[in-house]
Amino acid sequence: MELADLWANEKVQIVNNNNGARLETYVITGPRGSGVICLNGAAARLVQPGDNVIIIGYGMMTEEEARTYKPKVVILDAGNKPVQMLEQELHSTIL
């Protein structure tokens, strides 16, 4: 959460690369450093353990802020530990 600048209760979009499902939910804080990504309630039916997901947080900003904004893309390994930080998503790739 910290590396991606996600906040507790922040609305996020989840994209499941395994089945194409897209859903909106909110961030719930888990144990720090645990690497746990957990979906509760109805959302849990759309993602299975081991699925590759993208978690997208959006923000509102002025046009001036948008001109210099650098998004944070955090690439995780199979254990959800960070392995790479990017400032943009690479075109035509699934990481």
PDB file of N, CA and C in Angstrom:
ATOM      1  N   MET A   1       0.823  -1.184   0.000  1.00  0.00           N
ATOM      2  CA  MET A   1       0.000   0.000   0.000  1.00  0.00           C
ATOM      3  C   MET A   1       0.865   1.244   0.000  1.00  0.00           C
ATOM      4  N   GLU A   2       1.885   1.241   0.815  1.00  0.00           N
ATOM      5  CA  GLU A   2       2.717   2.433   0.941  1.00  0.00           C
ATOM      6  C   GLU A   2       3.440   2.761  -0.363  1.00  0.00           C
ATOM      7  N   LEU A   3       4.038   1.754  -0.995  1.00  0.00           N
ATOM      8  CA  LEU A   3       4.780   1.996  -2.230  1.00  0.00           C
ATOM      9  C   LEU A   3       3.884   2.536  -3.335  1.00  0.00           C
ATOM     10  N   ALA A   4       2.642   2.104  -3.373  1.00  0.00           N
ATOM     11  CA  ALA A   4       1.712   2.526  -4.420  1.00  0.00           C
ATOM     12  C   ALA A   4       0.903   3.758  -4.013  1.00  0.00           C
ATOM     13  N   ASP A   5       1.144   4.278  -2.824  1.00  0.00           N
ATOM     14  CA  ASP A   5       0.378   5.414  -2.295  1.00  0.00           C
ATOM     15  C   ASP A   5      -1.120   5.127  -2.231  1.00  0.00           C
ATOM     16  N   LEU A   6      -1.476   3.920  -1.839  1.00  0.00           N
ATOM     17  CA  LEU A   6      -2.881   3.595  -1.619  1.00  0.00           C
ATOM     18  C   LEU A   6      -3.201   3.814  -0.144  1.00  0.00           C
ATOM     19  N   TRP A   7      -4.416   4.269   0.119  1.00  0.00           N
ATOM     20  CA  TRP A   7      -4.828   4.605   1.480  1.00  0.00           C
ATOM     21  C   TRP A   7      -5.990   3.728   1.919  1.00  0.00           C
ATOM     22  N   ALA A   8      -6.080   3.488   3.203  1.00  0.00           N
ATOM     23  CA  ALA A   8      -7.227   2.759   3.749  1.00  0.00           C
ATOM     24  C   ALA A   8      -8.510   3.465   3.332  1.00  0.00           C
ATOM     25  N   ASN A   9      -9.494   2.703   2.913  1.00  0.00           N
ATOM     26  CA  ASN A   9     -10.810   3.178   2.484  1.00  0.00           C
ATOM     27  C   ASN A   9     -10.817   3.870   1.122  1.00  0.00           C
ATOM     28  N   GLU A  10      -9.671   3.934   0.450  1.00  0.00           N
ATOM     29  CA  GLU A  10      -9.614   4.528  -0.887  1.00  0.00           C
ATOM     30  C   GLU A  10     -10.325   3.608  -1.880  1.00  0.00           C
ATOM     31  N   LYS A  11     -11.121   4.212  -2.761  1.00  0.00           N
ATOM     32  CA  LYS A  11     -11.781   3.440  -3.820  1.00  0.00           C
ATOM     33  C   LYS A  11     -10.741   3.042  -4.861  1.00  0.00           C
ATOM     34  N   VAL A  12     -10.756   1.767  -5.257  1.00  0.00           N
ATOM     35  CA  VAL A  12      -9.819   1.262  -6.262  1.00  0.00           C
ATOM     36  C   VAL A  12     -10.575   0.394  -7.266  1.00  0.00           C
ATOM     37  N   GLN A  13      -9.966   0.222  -8.425  1.00  0.00           N
ATOM     38  CA  GLN A  13     -10.486  -0.698  -9.431  1.00  0.00           C
ATOM     39  C   GLN A  13      -9.570  -1.908  -9.459  1.00  0.00           C
ATOM     40  N   ILE A  14     -10.148  -3.098  -9.529  1.00  0.00           N
ATOM     41  CA  ILE A  14      -9.393  -4.347  -9.624  1.00  0.00           C
ATOM     42  C   ILE A  14      -9.631  -4.926 -11.015  1.00  0.00           C
ATOM     43  N   VAL A  15      -8.553  -5.282 -11.702  1.00  0.00           N
ATOM     44  CA  VAL A  15      -8.634  -5.943 -13.002  1.00  0.00           C
ATOM     45  C   VAL A  15      -8.005  -7.323 -12.836  1.00  0.00           C
ATOM     46  N   ASN A  16      -8.755  -8.366 -13.151  1.00  0.00           N
ATOM     47  CA  ASN A  16      -8.253  -9.731 -13.042  1.00  0.00           C
ATOM     48  C   ASN A  16      -7.752 -10.164 -14.417  1.00  0.00           C
ATOM     49  N   ASN A  17      -6.434 -10.333 -14.557  1.00  0.00           N
ATOM     50  CA  ASN A  17      -5.850 -10.732 -15.837  1.00  0.00           C
ATOM     51  C   ASN A  17      -6.158 -12.181 -16.196  1.00  0.00           C
ATOM     52  N   ASN A  18      -6.597 -12.980 -15.238  1.00  0.00           N
ATOM     53  CA  ASN A  18      -6.896 -14.388 -15.520  1.00  0.00           C
ATOM     54  C   ASN A  18      -8.266 -14.592 -16.161  1.00  0.00           C
ATOM     55  N   ASN A  19      -9.263 -13.805 -15.724  1.00  0.00           N
ATOM     56  CA  ASN A  19     -10.613 -14.027 -16.250  1.00  0.00           C
ATOM     57  C   ASN A  19     -11.263 -12.785 -16.851  1.00  0.00           C
ATOM     58  N   GLY A  20     -10.563 -11.644 -16.841  1.00  0.00           N
ATOM     59  CA  GLY A  20     -11.095 -10.426 -17.442  1.00  0.00           C
ATOM     60  C   GLY A  20     -12.042  -9.641 -16.560  1.00  0.00           C
ATOM     61  N   ALA A  21     -12.321 -10.108 -15.353  1.00  0.00           N
ATOM     62  CA  ALA A  21     -13.250  -9.403 -14.464  1.00  0.00           C
ATOM     63  C   ALA A  21     -12.672  -8.050 -14.053  1.00  0.00           C
ATOM     64  N   ARG A  22     -13.563  -7.070 -13.958  1.00  0.00           N
ATOM     65  CA  ARG A  22     -13.211  -5.738 -13.458  1.00  0.00           C
ATOM     66  C   ARG A  22     -14.232  -5.381 -12.386  1.00  0.00           C
ATOM     67  N   LEU A  23     -13.753  -4.826 -11.301  1.00  0.00           N
ATOM     68  CA  LEU A  23     -14.665  -4.451 -10.232  1.00  0.00           C
ATOM     69  C   LEU A  23     -14.098  -3.275  -9.466  1.00  0.00           C
ATOM     70  N   GLU A  24     -14.983  -2.591  -8.776  1.00  0.00           N
ATOM     71  CA  GLU A  24     -14.576  -1.502  -7.900  1.00  0.00           C
ATOM     72  C   GLU A  24     -14.799  -1.937  -6.466  1.00  0.00           C
ATOM     73  N   THR A  25     -13.866  -1.543  -5.616  1.00  0.00           N
ATOM     74  CA  THR A  25     -13.954  -1.865  -4.198  1.00  0.00           C
ATOM     75  C   THR A  25     -13.167  -0.797  -3.446  1.00  0.00           C
ATOM     76  N   TYR A  26     -12.820  -1.057  -2.215  1.00  0.00           N
ATOM     77  CA  TYR A  26     -12.044  -0.102  -1.434  1.00  0.00           C
ATOM     78  C   TYR A  26     -10.952  -0.843  -0.676  1.00  0.00           C
ATOM     79  N   VAL A  27      -9.941  -0.100  -0.289  1.00  0.00           N
ATOM     80  CA  VAL A  27      -8.768  -0.668   0.375  1.00  0.00           C
ATOM     81  C   VAL A  27      -9.059  -0.884   1.858  1.00  0.00           C
ATOM     82  N   ILE A  28      -8.746  -2.073   2.335  1.00  0.00           N
ATOM     83  CA  ILE A  28      -8.792  -2.390   3.766  1.00  0.00           C
ATOM     84  C   ILE A  28      -7.360  -2.715   4.183  1.00  0.00           C
ATOM     85  N   THR A  29      -6.885  -2.074   5.209  1.00  0.00           N
ATOM     86  CA  THR A  29      -5.520  -2.299   5.672  1.00  0.00           C
ATOM     87  C   THR A  29      -5.380  -3.685   6.285  1.00  0.00           C
ATOM     88  N   GLY A  30      -4.324  -4.394   5.876  1.00  0.00           N
ATOM     89  CA  GLY A  30      -3.998  -5.701   6.446  1.00  0.00           C
ATOM     90  C   GLY A  30      -2.707  -5.596   7.237  1.00  0.00           C
ATOM     91  N   PRO A  31      -2.194  -6.703   7.701  1.00  0.00           N
ATOM     92  CA  PRO A  31      -0.939  -6.681   8.452  1.00  0.00           C
ATOM     93  C   PRO A  31       0.204  -6.130   7.588  1.00  0.00           C
ATOM     94  N   ARG A  32       0.903  -5.137   8.102  1.00  0.00           N
ATOM     95  CA  ARG A  32       1.987  -4.485   7.363  1.00  0.00           C
ATOM     96  C   ARG A  32       3.054  -5.501   6.967  1.00  0.00           C
ATOM     97  N   GLY A  33       3.423  -5.465   5.665  1.00  0.00           N
ATOM     98  CA  GLY A  33       4.474  -6.334   5.164  1.00  0.00           C
ATOM     99  C   GLY A  33       4.038  -7.761   4.874  1.00  0.00           C
ATOM    100  N   SER A  34       2.752  -8.063   5.057  1.00  0.00           N
ATOM    101  CA  SER A  34       2.280  -9.445   4.881  1.00  0.00           C
ATOM    102  C   SER A  34       2.153  -9.847   3.414  1.00  0.00           C
ATOM    103  N   GLY A  35       1.967  -8.877   2.530  1.00  0.00           N
ATOM    104  CA  GLY A  35       1.762  -9.195   1.120  1.00  0.00           C
ATOM    105  C   GLY A  35       0.375  -9.725   0.816  1.00  0.00           C
ATOM    106  N   VAL A  36      -0.515  -9.672   1.779  1.00  0.00           N
ATOM    107  CA  VAL A  36      -1.862 -10.202   1.585  1.00  0.00           C
ATOM    108  C   VAL A  36      -2.677  -9.258   0.705  1.00  0.00           C
ATOM    109  N   ILE A  37      -3.259  -9.818  -0.351  1.00  0.00           N
ATOM    110  CA  ILE A  37      -4.247  -9.116  -1.165  1.00  0.00           C
ATOM    111  C   ILE A  37      -5.514  -9.951  -1.047  1.00  0.00           C
ATOM    112  N   CYS A  38      -6.521  -9.394  -0.401  1.00  0.00           N
ATOM    113  CA  CYS A  38      -7.721 -10.160  -0.062  1.00  0.00           C
ATOM    114  C   CYS A  38      -8.954  -9.384  -0.505  1.00  0.00           C
ATOM    115  N   LEU A  39      -9.866 -10.064  -1.170  1.00  0.00           N
ATOM    116  CA  LEU A  39     -11.136  -9.454  -1.543  1.00  0.00           C
ATOM    117  C   LEU A  39     -12.223 -10.053  -0.665  1.00  0.00           C
ATOM    118  N   ASN A  40     -13.061  -9.195  -0.100  1.00  0.00           N
ATOM    119  CA  ASN A  40     -14.140  -9.627   0.783  1.00  0.00           C
ATOM    120  C   ASN A  40     -15.488  -9.532   0.069  1.00  0.00           C
ATOM    121  N   GLY A  41     -16.477 -10.180   0.610  1.00  0.00           N
ATOM    122  CA  GLY A  41     -17.837 -10.071   0.102  1.00  0.00           C
ATOM    123  C   GLY A  41     -17.990 -10.590  -1.319  1.00  0.00           C
ATOM    124  N   ALA A  42     -18.900  -9.958  -2.069  1.00  0.00           N
ATOM    125  CA  ALA A  42     -19.203 -10.397  -3.431  1.00  0.00           C
ATOM    126  C   ALA A  42     -17.980 -10.347  -4.338  1.00  0.00           C
ATOM    127  N   ALA A  43     -17.081  -9.398  -4.116  1.00  0.00           N
ATOM    128  CA  ALA A  43     -15.876  -9.273  -4.943  1.00  0.00           C
ATOM    129  C   ALA A  43     -15.020 -10.529  -4.882  1.00  0.00           C
ATOM    130  N   ALA A  44     -15.086 -11.240  -3.772  1.00  0.00           N
ATOM    131  CA  ALA A  44     -14.263 -12.445  -3.602  1.00  0.00           C
ATOM    132  C   ALA A  44     -14.629 -13.536  -4.606  1.00  0.00           C
ATOM    133  N   ARG A  45     -15.813 -13.471  -5.187  1.00  0.00           N
ATOM    134  CA  ARG A  45     -16.222 -14.480  -6.172  1.00  0.00           C
ATOM    135  C   ARG A  45     -15.571 -14.240  -7.532  1.00  0.00           C
ATOM    136  N   LEU A  46     -14.971 -13.064  -7.730  1.00  0.00           N
ATOM    137  CA  LEU A  46     -14.402 -12.711  -9.033  1.00  0.00           C
ATOM    138  C   LEU A  46     -12.899 -12.927  -9.126  1.00  0.00           C
ATOM    139  N   VAL A  47     -12.256 -13.202  -8.004  1.00  0.00           N
ATOM    140  CA  VAL A  47     -10.800 -13.391  -7.981  1.00  0.00           C
ATOM    141  C   VAL A  47     -10.483 -14.620  -7.138  1.00  0.00           C
ATOM    142  N   GLN A  48      -9.633 -15.481  -7.658  1.00  0.00           N
ATOM    143  CA  GLN A  48      -9.231 -16.699  -6.960  1.00  0.00           C
ATOM    144  C   GLN A  48      -7.779 -16.585  -6.503  1.00  0.00           C
ATOM    145  N   PRO A  49      -7.392 -17.292  -5.445  1.00  0.00           N
ATOM    146  CA  PRO A  49      -5.982 -17.288  -5.034  1.00  0.00           C
ATOM    147  C   PRO A  49      -5.086 -17.671  -6.214  1.00  0.00           C
ATOM    148  N   GLY A  50      -4.025 -16.909  -6.403  1.00  0.00           N
ATOM    149  CA  GLY A  50      -3.087 -17.157  -7.495  1.00  0.00           C
ATOM    150  C   GLY A  50      -3.377 -16.368  -8.755  1.00  0.00           C
ATOM    151  N   ASP A  51      -4.557 -15.723  -8.850  1.00  0.00           N
ATOM    152  CA  ASP A  51      -4.860 -14.904 -10.021  1.00  0.00           C
ATOM    153  C   ASP A  51      -3.925 -13.698 -10.073  1.00  0.00           C
ATOM    154  N   ASN A  52      -3.628 -13.253 -11.277  1.00  0.00           N
ATOM    155  CA  ASN A  52      -2.803 -12.067 -11.506  1.00  0.00           C
ATOM    156  C   ASN A  52      -3.744 -10.876 -11.619  1.00  0.00           C
ATOM    157  N   VAL A  53      -3.633  -9.923 -10.694  1.00  0.00           N
ATOM    158  CA  VAL A  53      -4.532  -8.769 -10.693  1.00  0.00           C
ATOM    159  C   VAL A  53      -3.757  -7.465 -10.798  1.00  0.00           C
ATOM    160  N   ILE A  54      -4.452  -6.459 -11.295  1.00  0.00           N
ATOM    161  CA  ILE A  54      -3.956  -5.087 -11.311  1.00  0.00           C
ATOM    162  C   ILE A  54      -4.869  -4.297 -10.387  1.00  0.00           C
ATOM    163  N   ILE A  55      -4.285  -3.533  -9.484  1.00  0.00           N
ATOM    164  CA  ILE A  55      -5.054  -2.679  -8.576  1.00  0.00           C
ATOM    165  C   ILE A  55      -4.786  -1.245  -9.001  1.00  0.00           C
ATOM    166  N   ILE A  56      -5.851  -0.524  -9.351  1.00  0.00           N
ATOM    167  CA  ILE A  56      -5.714   0.830  -9.882  1.00  0.00           C
ATOM    168  C   ILE A  56      -6.338   1.823  -8.915  1.00  0.00           C
ATOM    169  N   GLY A  57      -5.542   2.798  -8.495  1.00  0.00           N
ATOM    170  CA  GLY A  57      -6.041   3.906  -7.697  1.00  0.00           C
ATOM    171  C   GLY A  57      -6.060   5.151  -8.571  1.00  0.00           C
ATOM    172  N   TYR A  58      -7.100   5.940  -8.466  1.00  0.00           N
ATOM    173  CA  TYR A  58      -7.237   7.152  -9.267  1.00  0.00           C
ATOM    174  C   TYR A  58      -7.132   8.370  -8.361  1.00  0.00           C
ATOM    175  N   GLY A  59      -6.805   9.503  -8.945  1.00  0.00           N
ATOM    176  CA  GLY A  59      -6.727  10.728  -8.171  1.00  0.00           C
ATOM    177  C   GLY A  59      -7.206  11.912  -8.978  1.00  0.00           C
ATOM    178  N   MET A  60      -7.678  12.915  -8.285  1.00  0.00           N
ATOM    179  CA  MET A  60      -8.080  14.159  -8.943  1.00  0.00           C
ATOM    180  C   MET A  60      -6.973  15.173  -8.732  1.00  0.00           C
ATOM    181  N   MET A  61      -6.682  15.933  -9.782  1.00  0.00           N
ATOM    182  CA  MET A  61      -5.632  16.940  -9.693  1.00  0.00           C
ATOM    183  C   MET A  61      -5.915  18.045 -10.683  1.00  0.00           C
ATOM    184  N   THR A  62      -5.227  19.142 -10.490  1.00  0.00           N
ATOM    185  CA  THR A  62      -5.355  20.245 -11.432  1.00  0.00           C
ATOM    186  C   THR A  62      -4.605  19.906 -12.714  1.00  0.00           C
ATOM    187  N   GLU A  63      -4.868  20.661 -13.768  1.00  0.00           N
ATOM    188  CA  GLU A  63      -4.156  20.450 -15.030  1.00  0.00           C
ATOM    189  C   GLU A  63      -2.655  20.644 -14.828  1.00  0.00           C
ATOM    190  N   GLU A  64      -2.291  21.608 -14.032  1.00  0.00           N
ATOM    191  CA  GLU A  64      -0.870  21.862 -13.753  1.00  0.00           C
ATOM    192  C   GLU A  64      -0.231  20.667 -13.045  1.00  0.00           C
ATOM    193  N   GLU A  65      -0.911  20.112 -12.056  1.00  0.00           N
ATOM    194  CA  GLU A  65      -0.398  18.934 -11.360  1.00  0.00           C
ATOM    195  C   GLU A  65      -0.292  17.736 -12.305  1.00  0.00           C
ATOM    196  N   ALA A  66      -1.272  17.587 -13.186  1.00  0.00           N
ATOM    197  CA  ALA A  66      -1.288  16.454 -14.112  1.00  0.00           C
ATOM    198  C   ALA A  66      -0.107  16.488 -15.078  1.00  0.00           C
ATOM    199  N   ARG A  67       0.357  17.674 -15.421  1.00  0.00           N
ATOM    200  CA  ARG A  67       1.480  17.797 -16.363  1.00  0.00           C
ATOM    201  C   ARG A  67       2.771  17.205 -15.807  1.00  0.00           C
ATOM    202  N   THR A  68       2.929  17.208 -14.501  1.00  0.00           N
ATOM    203  CA  THR A  68       4.171  16.713 -13.903  1.00  0.00           C
ATOM    204  C   THR A  68       3.968  15.431 -13.095  1.00  0.00           C
ATOM    205  N   TYR A  69       2.742  14.940 -13.069  1.00  0.00           N
ATOM    206  CA  TYR A  69       2.431  13.753 -12.271  1.00  0.00           C
ATOM    207  C   TYR A  69       3.142  12.522 -12.815  1.00  0.00           C
ATOM    208  N   LYS A  70       3.702  11.733 -11.921  1.00  0.00           N
ATOM    209  CA  LYS A  70       4.343  10.476 -12.283  1.00  0.00           C
ATOM    210  C   LYS A  70       3.633   9.360 -11.517  1.00  0.00           C
ATOM    211  N   PRO A  71       2.885   8.515 -12.225  1.00  0.00           N
ATOM    212  CA  PRO A  71       2.193   7.425 -11.532  1.00  0.00           C
ATOM    213  C   PRO A  71       3.181   6.442 -10.932  1.00  0.00           C
ATOM    214  N   LYS A  72       2.715   5.682  -9.981  1.00  0.00           N
ATOM    215  CA  LYS A  72       3.549   4.652  -9.358  1.00  0.00           C
ATOM    216  C   LYS A  72       3.002   3.288  -9.753  1.00  0.00           C
ATOM    217  N   VAL A  73       3.830   2.496 -10.411  1.00  0.00           N
ATOM    218  CA  VAL A  73       3.475   1.139 -10.796  1.00  0.00           C
ATOM    219  C   VAL A  73       4.386   0.217  -9.999  1.00  0.00           C
ATOM    220  N   VAL A  74       3.797  -0.590  -9.134  1.00  0.00           N
ATOM    221  CA  VAL A  74       4.565  -1.497  -8.286  1.00  0.00           C
ATOM    222  C   VAL A  74       4.380  -2.912  -8.828  1.00  0.00           C
ATOM    223  N   ILE A  75       5.476  -3.536  -9.239  1.00  0.00           N
ATOM    224  CA  ILE A  75       5.446  -4.899  -9.747  1.00  0.00           C
ATOM    225  C   ILE A  75       5.777  -5.838  -8.588  1.00  0.00           C
ATOM    226  N   LEU A  76       4.918  -6.837  -8.380  1.00  0.00           N
ATOM    227  CA  LEU A  76       5.098  -7.776  -7.275  1.00  0.00           C
ATOM    228  C   LEU A  76       5.471  -9.155  -7.803  1.00  0.00           C
ATOM    229  N   ASP A  77       6.172  -9.925  -6.976  1.00  0.00           N
ATOM    230  CA  ASP A  77       6.478 -11.314  -7.343  1.00  0.00           C
ATOM    231  C   ASP A  77       5.304 -12.212  -6.929  1.00  0.00           C
ATOM    232  N   ALA A  78       5.461 -13.508  -7.084  1.00  0.00           N
ATOM    233  CA  ALA A  78       4.386 -14.459  -6.771  1.00  0.00           C
ATOM    234  C   ALA A  78       3.974 -14.416  -5.301  1.00  0.00           C
ATOM    235  N   GLY A  79       4.859 -13.948  -4.414  1.00  0.00           N
ATOM    236  CA  GLY A  79       4.542 -13.825  -2.998  1.00  0.00           C
ATOM    237  C   GLY A  79       4.083 -12.433  -2.611  1.00  0.00           C
ATOM    238  N   ASN A  80       3.777 -11.597  -3.619  1.00  0.00           N
ATOM    239  CA  ASN A  80       3.327 -10.214  -3.429  1.00  0.00           C
ATOM    240  C   ASN A  80       4.377  -9.326  -2.772  1.00  0.00           C
ATOM    241  N   LYS A  81       5.633  -9.639  -2.995  1.00  0.00           N
ATOM    242  CA  LYS A  81       6.721  -8.781  -2.526  1.00  0.00           C
ATOM    243  C   LYS A  81       7.159  -7.891  -3.687  1.00  0.00           C
ATOM    244  N   PRO A  82       7.415  -6.596  -3.440  1.00  0.00           N
ATOM    245  CA  PRO A  82       7.805  -5.695  -4.528  1.00  0.00           C
ATOM    246  C   PRO A  82       9.148  -6.084  -5.143  1.00  0.00           C
ATOM    247  N   VAL A  83       9.185  -6.104  -6.480  1.00  0.00           N
ATOM    248  CA  VAL A  83      10.427  -6.418  -7.189  1.00  0.00           C
ATOM    249  C   VAL A  83      10.845  -5.297  -8.131  1.00  0.00           C
ATOM    250  N   GLN A  84       9.910  -4.394  -8.470  1.00  0.00           N
ATOM    251  CA  GLN A  84      10.246  -3.318  -9.395  1.00  0.00           C
ATOM    252  C   GLN A  84       9.262  -2.169  -9.222  1.00  0.00           C
ATOM    253  N   MET A  85       9.767  -0.947  -9.386  1.00  0.00           N
ATOM    254  CA  MET A  85       8.934   0.257  -9.363  1.00  0.00           C
ATOM    255  C   MET A  85       9.079   0.942 -10.712  1.00  0.00           C
ATOM    256  N   LEU A  86       7.950   1.322 -11.317  1.00  0.00           N
ATOM    257  CA  LEU A  86       7.951   2.029 -12.591  1.00  0.00           C
ATOM    258  C   LEU A  86       7.191   3.337 -12.429  1.00  0.00           C
ATOM    259  N   GLU A  87       7.442   4.281 -13.341  1.00  0.00           N
ATOM    260  CA  GLU A  87       6.692   5.534 -13.333  1.00  0.00           C
ATOM    261  C   GLU A  87       5.679   5.578 -14.467  1.00  0.00           C
ATOM    262  N   GLN A  88       5.500   4.467 -15.146  1.00  0.00           N
ATOM    263  CA  GLN A  88       4.461   4.345 -16.161  1.00  0.00           C
ATOM    264  C   GLN A  88       4.266   2.876 -16.486  1.00  0.00           C
ATOM    265  N   GLU A  89       3.095   2.561 -16.992  1.00  0.00           N
ATOM    266  CA  GLU A  89       2.855   1.191 -17.449  1.00  0.00           C
ATOM    267  C   GLU A  89       3.481   1.048 -18.823  1.00  0.00           C
ATOM    268  N   LEU A  90       4.143  -0.057 -19.062  1.00  0.00           N
ATOM    269  CA  LEU A  90       4.772  -0.294 -20.347  1.00  0.00           C
ATOM    270  C   LEU A  90       3.720  -0.694 -21.377  1.00  0.00           C
ATOM    271  N   HIS A  91       3.788  -0.103 -22.562  1.00  0.00           N
ATOM    272  CA  HIS A  91       2.834  -0.364 -23.638  1.00  0.00           C
ATOM    273  C   HIS A  91       2.867  -1.826 -24.072  1.00  0.00           C
ATOM    274  N   SER A  92       1.697  -2.390 -24.275  1.00  0.00           N
ATOM    275  CA  SER A  92       1.530  -3.753 -24.816  1.00  0.00           C
ATOM    276  C   SER A  92       2.184  -4.832 -23.965  1.00  0.00           C
ATOM    277  N   THR A  93       2.123  -4.683 -22.657  1.00  0.00           N
ATOM    278  CA  THR A  93       2.715  -5.692 -21.784  1.00  0.00           C
ATOM    279  C   THR A  93       1.723  -6.111 -20.709  1.00  0.00           C
ATOM    280  N   ILE A  94       1.882  -7.315 -20.256  1.00  0.00           N
ATOM    281  CA  ILE A  94       1.194  -7.797 -19.056  1.00  0.00           C
ATOM    282  C   ILE A  94       2.294  -8.253 -18.126  1.00  0.00           C
ATOM    283  N   LEU A  95       2.450  -7.555 -17.023  1.00  0.00           N
ATOM    284  CA  LEU A  95       3.532  -7.874 -16.088  1.00  0.00           C
ATOM    285  C   LEU A  95       3.039  -8.785 -15.002  1.00  0.00           C
TER     286      LEU A  95
END
